N, C-alpha and C. Protein backbone atom coordinates (compact mmCIF):
# COMPACT_ATOMS: atom_id res chain seq x y z
N MET A 1 -12.58 -10.14 3.85
CA MET A 1 -11.96 -10.94 4.31
C MET A 1 -10.76 -10.33 5.23
N CYS A 2 -10.70 -10.71 6.02
CA CYS A 2 -9.92 -10.13 7.79
C CYS A 2 -8.37 -10.91 7.32
N LEU A 3 -7.53 -9.84 7.95
CA LEU A 3 -5.94 -10.80 7.83
C LEU A 3 -5.70 -10.27 9.50
N ILE A 4 -5.34 -11.09 10.27
CA ILE A 4 -4.62 -10.60 11.29
C ILE A 4 -3.16 -10.72 11.23
N LEU A 5 -2.58 -9.55 11.81
CA LEU A 5 -1.01 -9.27 12.03
C LEU A 5 -0.57 -9.61 13.59
N ILE A 6 0.44 -10.22 13.78
CA ILE A 6 1.06 -10.12 14.75
C ILE A 6 2.33 -9.66 15.16
N ASP A 7 2.40 -8.32 15.90
CA ASP A 7 3.68 -7.59 16.28
C ASP A 7 4.71 -8.05 17.30
N ILE A 8 5.51 -8.96 16.94
CA ILE A 8 6.27 -10.01 17.86
C ILE A 8 7.06 -8.94 18.63
N LYS A 9 7.90 -7.83 18.26
CA LYS A 9 8.40 -7.03 18.89
C LYS A 9 7.51 -6.09 19.60
N ASN A 10 6.73 -5.89 19.67
CA ASN A 10 5.79 -4.78 20.12
C ASN A 10 4.65 -5.86 21.12
N ASN A 11 4.51 -6.95 20.74
CA ASN A 11 3.34 -7.66 21.21
C ASN A 11 2.24 -6.86 21.30
N LEU A 12 1.76 -7.14 19.98
CA LEU A 12 0.27 -6.50 19.24
C LEU A 12 -0.07 -7.26 18.28
N GLN A 13 -1.19 -7.38 18.42
CA GLN A 13 -2.28 -8.21 17.04
C GLN A 13 -3.30 -7.12 16.91
N ILE A 14 -3.13 -7.00 15.50
CA ILE A 14 -4.06 -6.06 14.75
C ILE A 14 -4.90 -6.87 13.57
N MET A 15 -5.96 -6.40 13.64
CA MET A 15 -6.46 -7.11 12.53
C MET A 15 -7.12 -5.74 11.38
N ILE A 16 -7.06 -6.22 10.71
CA ILE A 16 -7.24 -5.93 8.77
C ILE A 16 -8.38 -6.26 8.16
N ASP A 17 -9.47 -5.36 7.96
CA ASP A 17 -10.42 -5.58 7.27
C ASP A 17 -10.20 -5.54 5.57
N LEU A 18 -9.57 -6.86 4.91
CA LEU A 18 -9.21 -6.36 3.58
C LEU A 18 -10.16 -6.15 2.26
N SER A 19 -11.36 -5.55 2.78
CA SER A 19 -12.11 -5.96 1.66
C SER A 19 -12.27 -4.31 1.89
N SER A 20 -11.89 -3.46 3.01
CA SER A 20 -12.01 -1.80 2.68
C SER A 20 -11.75 -1.16 1.44
N ASN A 21 -12.31 -0.31 1.22
CA ASN A 21 -11.80 0.83 -0.45
C ASN A 21 -10.41 0.83 0.23
N LEU A 22 -9.67 0.93 1.02
CA LEU A 22 -8.32 1.45 1.63
C LEU A 22 -7.12 0.33 0.97
N TYR A 23 -7.79 -1.10 0.66
CA TYR A 23 -6.58 -2.06 0.33
C TYR A 23 -7.22 -2.42 -1.33
N ASN A 24 -8.33 -1.49 -1.80
CA ASN A 24 -8.74 -2.45 -3.01
C ASN A 24 -8.58 -1.15 -3.99
N ASP A 25 -7.34 -1.11 -4.22
CA ASP A 25 -7.11 0.10 -5.29
C ASP A 25 -6.07 -0.34 -6.09
N LYS A 26 -5.64 1.04 -7.15
CA LYS A 26 -4.11 0.81 -7.69
C LYS A 26 -3.30 1.23 -6.90
N LEU A 27 -3.47 1.66 -5.71
CA LEU A 27 -1.96 2.43 -5.18
C LEU A 27 -0.62 1.19 -5.10
N PHE A 28 -1.00 0.34 -4.46
CA PHE A 28 -0.34 -0.80 -4.53
C PHE A 28 0.51 -1.05 -5.58
N TYR A 29 -0.14 -1.13 -6.71
CA TYR A 29 0.19 -1.57 -8.22
C TYR A 29 1.24 -0.18 -8.32
N TYR A 30 1.35 1.40 -8.10
CA TYR A 30 1.83 2.39 -8.53
C TYR A 30 3.12 2.02 -7.59
N LEU A 31 2.88 1.79 -6.25
CA LEU A 31 4.36 1.44 -5.33
C LEU A 31 4.89 0.63 -5.75
N LEU A 32 4.66 -0.57 -6.36
CA LEU A 32 5.24 -1.54 -6.95
C LEU A 32 6.45 -1.37 -8.42
N THR A 33 5.79 -0.40 -9.03
CA THR A 33 6.90 0.32 -9.58
C THR A 33 8.14 0.99 -9.45
N GLY A 34 8.18 1.27 -8.27
CA GLY A 34 9.48 2.20 -8.07
C GLY A 34 9.42 3.55 -8.64
N LYS A 35 8.09 3.94 -8.95
CA LYS A 35 8.19 5.15 -9.46
C LYS A 35 7.94 6.16 -8.27
N SER A 36 8.83 7.20 -8.36
CA SER A 36 8.55 8.83 -7.25
C SER A 36 6.98 8.91 -7.04
N TYR A 37 7.14 9.81 -5.85
CA TYR A 37 5.80 10.11 -5.35
C TYR A 37 5.09 10.97 -6.42
N GLY A 38 5.97 11.74 -7.51
CA GLY A 38 5.72 12.52 -8.29
C GLY A 38 4.99 12.30 -9.06
N LYS A 39 5.49 11.09 -9.77
CA LYS A 39 5.37 9.96 -10.87
C LYS A 39 3.57 9.73 -10.57
N ILE A 40 3.85 8.84 -9.53
CA ILE A 40 2.42 8.32 -9.28
C ILE A 40 1.42 8.88 -8.91
N ALA A 41 1.50 10.28 -8.27
CA ALA A 41 0.48 11.54 -8.14
C ALA A 41 0.22 11.63 -9.45
N GLU A 42 1.19 11.79 -10.34
CA GLU A 42 0.51 12.30 -11.69
C GLU A 42 -0.65 11.30 -12.60
N LYS A 43 -0.14 10.10 -12.44
CA LYS A 43 -1.40 9.34 -12.58
C LYS A 43 -2.33 8.94 -11.92
N TYR A 44 -1.79 9.05 -10.86
CA TYR A 44 -2.90 8.43 -9.51
C TYR A 44 -4.24 9.51 -8.77
N TYR A 45 -3.40 10.28 -8.71
CA TYR A 45 -3.97 11.32 -8.12
C TYR A 45 -4.05 13.02 -8.73
N SER A 46 -4.13 12.91 -10.24
CA SER A 46 -4.05 14.17 -11.04
C SER A 46 -3.14 14.87 -10.76
N TYR A 47 -2.13 14.68 -10.41
CA TYR A 47 -1.03 15.68 -9.67
C TYR A 47 -1.13 16.29 -8.64
N ASP A 48 -1.86 15.61 -7.39
CA ASP A 48 -2.18 16.18 -6.35
C ASP A 48 -1.24 14.71 -4.93
N ILE A 49 -0.05 15.34 -5.27
CA ILE A 49 0.74 14.64 -4.56
C ILE A 49 0.87 15.05 -2.79
N ASN A 50 0.01 15.85 -2.63
CA ASN A 50 -0.48 15.36 -0.89
C ASN A 50 -1.61 14.78 -0.54
N LYS A 51 -2.25 14.88 -1.51
CA LYS A 51 -3.35 13.40 -1.38
C LYS A 51 -2.61 12.31 -1.31
N LEU A 52 -1.61 11.61 -2.11
CA LEU A 52 -0.68 10.49 -2.44
C LEU A 52 -0.21 10.16 -0.94
N ILE A 53 0.68 11.63 -0.63
CA ILE A 53 1.60 11.25 0.59
C ILE A 53 0.52 10.84 1.68
N TYR A 54 -0.94 11.24 1.51
CA TYR A 54 -1.53 11.70 2.84
C TYR A 54 -2.01 10.20 3.30
N ARG A 55 -2.70 9.50 1.58
CA ARG A 55 -2.79 8.28 1.66
C ARG A 55 -1.90 7.03 1.82
N ILE A 56 -0.72 7.63 1.56
CA ILE A 56 0.69 6.37 1.97
C ILE A 56 0.47 6.24 3.36
N ARG A 57 0.76 7.26 4.04
CA ARG A 57 1.04 7.66 5.20
C ARG A 57 0.03 7.11 6.57
N LYS A 58 -0.85 6.96 5.78
CA LYS A 58 -2.65 6.72 6.42
C LYS A 58 -2.14 4.75 6.28
N LEU A 59 -1.87 4.34 5.11
CA LEU A 59 -1.47 3.05 4.88
C LEU A 59 -0.08 2.31 5.98
N LYS A 60 0.52 2.96 6.06
CA LYS A 60 1.66 3.13 6.87
C LYS A 60 1.06 2.83 8.27
N LYS A 61 0.68 3.99 8.90
CA LYS A 61 0.47 3.77 10.36
C LYS A 61 -0.94 2.65 10.83
N GLU A 62 -1.33 2.72 9.38
CA GLU A 62 -2.49 1.31 10.36
C GLU A 62 -2.05 -0.13 10.22
N LEU A 63 -1.02 -0.02 9.16
CA LEU A 63 -0.33 -1.39 9.02
C LEU A 63 0.82 -1.74 10.03
N ASN A 64 1.02 -0.81 10.62
CA ASN A 64 2.33 -0.61 11.31
C ASN A 64 3.64 -0.68 10.47
N LEU A 65 4.21 0.09 9.74
CA LEU A 65 4.90 -0.09 8.74
C LEU A 65 5.61 1.20 8.52
N SER A 66 7.12 0.96 8.33
CA SER A 66 7.93 2.46 8.34
C SER A 66 8.36 3.26 6.94
N ASN A 67 8.16 2.37 5.99
CA ASN A 67 7.99 2.73 4.49
C ASN A 67 7.50 2.31 3.57
N ARG A 68 7.38 2.78 2.20
CA ARG A 68 6.68 2.45 1.10
C ARG A 68 7.29 1.29 0.82
N ARG A 69 8.72 1.08 0.75
CA ARG A 69 9.19 -0.63 0.55
C ARG A 69 8.03 -1.92 1.19
N GLN A 70 8.29 -1.55 2.21
CA GLN A 70 7.78 -2.37 3.59
C GLN A 70 6.15 -2.44 3.10
N LEU A 71 5.44 -1.57 2.39
CA LEU A 71 4.15 -1.62 2.32
C LEU A 71 4.24 -2.05 0.81
N ALA A 72 4.76 -2.18 -0.18
CA ALA A 72 4.72 -2.85 -1.25
C ALA A 72 4.78 -4.33 -0.96
N TYR A 73 5.69 -4.37 0.04
CA TYR A 73 5.99 -5.99 0.40
C TYR A 73 5.05 -6.89 0.83
N PHE A 74 4.48 -5.59 1.74
CA PHE A 74 2.98 -6.12 2.30
C PHE A 74 1.90 -6.53 1.49
N ALA A 75 1.78 -5.84 0.29
CA ALA A 75 0.47 -6.00 -0.37
C ALA A 75 0.59 -7.49 -1.24
N VAL A 76 1.76 -7.84 -1.80
CA VAL A 76 2.66 -8.55 -2.05
C VAL A 76 2.43 -9.87 -1.17
N GLU A 77 2.59 -9.57 -0.32
CA GLU A 77 2.95 -11.23 0.56
C GLU A 77 1.36 -11.43 1.00
N ASN A 78 0.59 -10.70 1.15
CA ASN A 78 -1.12 -10.62 1.41
C ASN A 78 -1.84 -11.16 0.23
N LYS A 79 -1.50 -11.09 -0.81
CA LYS A 79 -2.00 -11.10 -2.38
C LYS A 79 -3.20 -9.92 -2.63
N LEU A 80 -2.63 -8.79 -2.35
CA LEU A 80 -3.59 -7.51 -2.59
C LEU A 80 -3.01 -7.55 -3.66
N VAL A 81 -2.19 -7.62 -4.72
CA VAL A 81 -1.89 -7.06 -6.15
C VAL A 81 -1.45 -8.43 -7.02
N ASP A 82 -1.66 -8.61 -7.78
CA ASP A 82 -1.49 -9.57 -9.06
C ASP A 82 0.49 -8.99 -9.58
N ILE A 83 1.25 -9.96 -9.75
CA ILE A 83 2.49 -9.47 -9.97
C ILE A 83 2.22 -9.49 -11.65
N GLU A 84 1.58 -10.11 -12.10
CA GLU A 84 2.03 -10.05 -13.50
C GLU A 84 1.04 -8.89 -13.82
N LYS A 85 0.03 -8.32 -12.90
CA LYS A 85 -0.80 -6.90 -13.63
C LYS A 85 0.39 -5.37 -13.49
N VAL A 86 1.26 -5.91 -12.60
CA VAL A 86 2.21 -4.78 -12.27
C VAL A 86 2.56 -4.28 -14.26
N LYS A 87 3.24 -4.82 -14.44
CA LYS A 87 3.95 -4.27 -16.06
C LYS A 87 3.04 -3.57 -16.58
N LEU A 88 1.52 -3.50 -16.21
CA LEU A 88 0.76 -2.56 -17.04
C LEU A 88 0.64 -0.93 -16.60
N TYR A 89 1.33 -1.09 -15.05
CA TYR A 89 1.52 0.33 -15.05
C TYR A 89 2.75 1.16 -14.96
N PHE A 90 3.42 0.54 -15.62
CA PHE A 90 4.65 1.28 -16.04
C PHE A 90 4.65 2.31 -17.27
């Protein structure tokens, strides 16, 4: 499945392959919990905070987003996460 984003401000069109492994994981769920990078890294990357920060930066850059709140919002708006499952990650 592909998603096409249109950035009106910069007059850009971005096509994203949502079936890629970059979008099919638990990271979005952890971001929606509001936990710190340290707490997320503890569960998601076995305490490797640098991997987590790298992954989030890569996603933000590819999606042309400026912070992790926008990244979480993007996941919800594009149905990459099931809101009912988020409570399992607290």
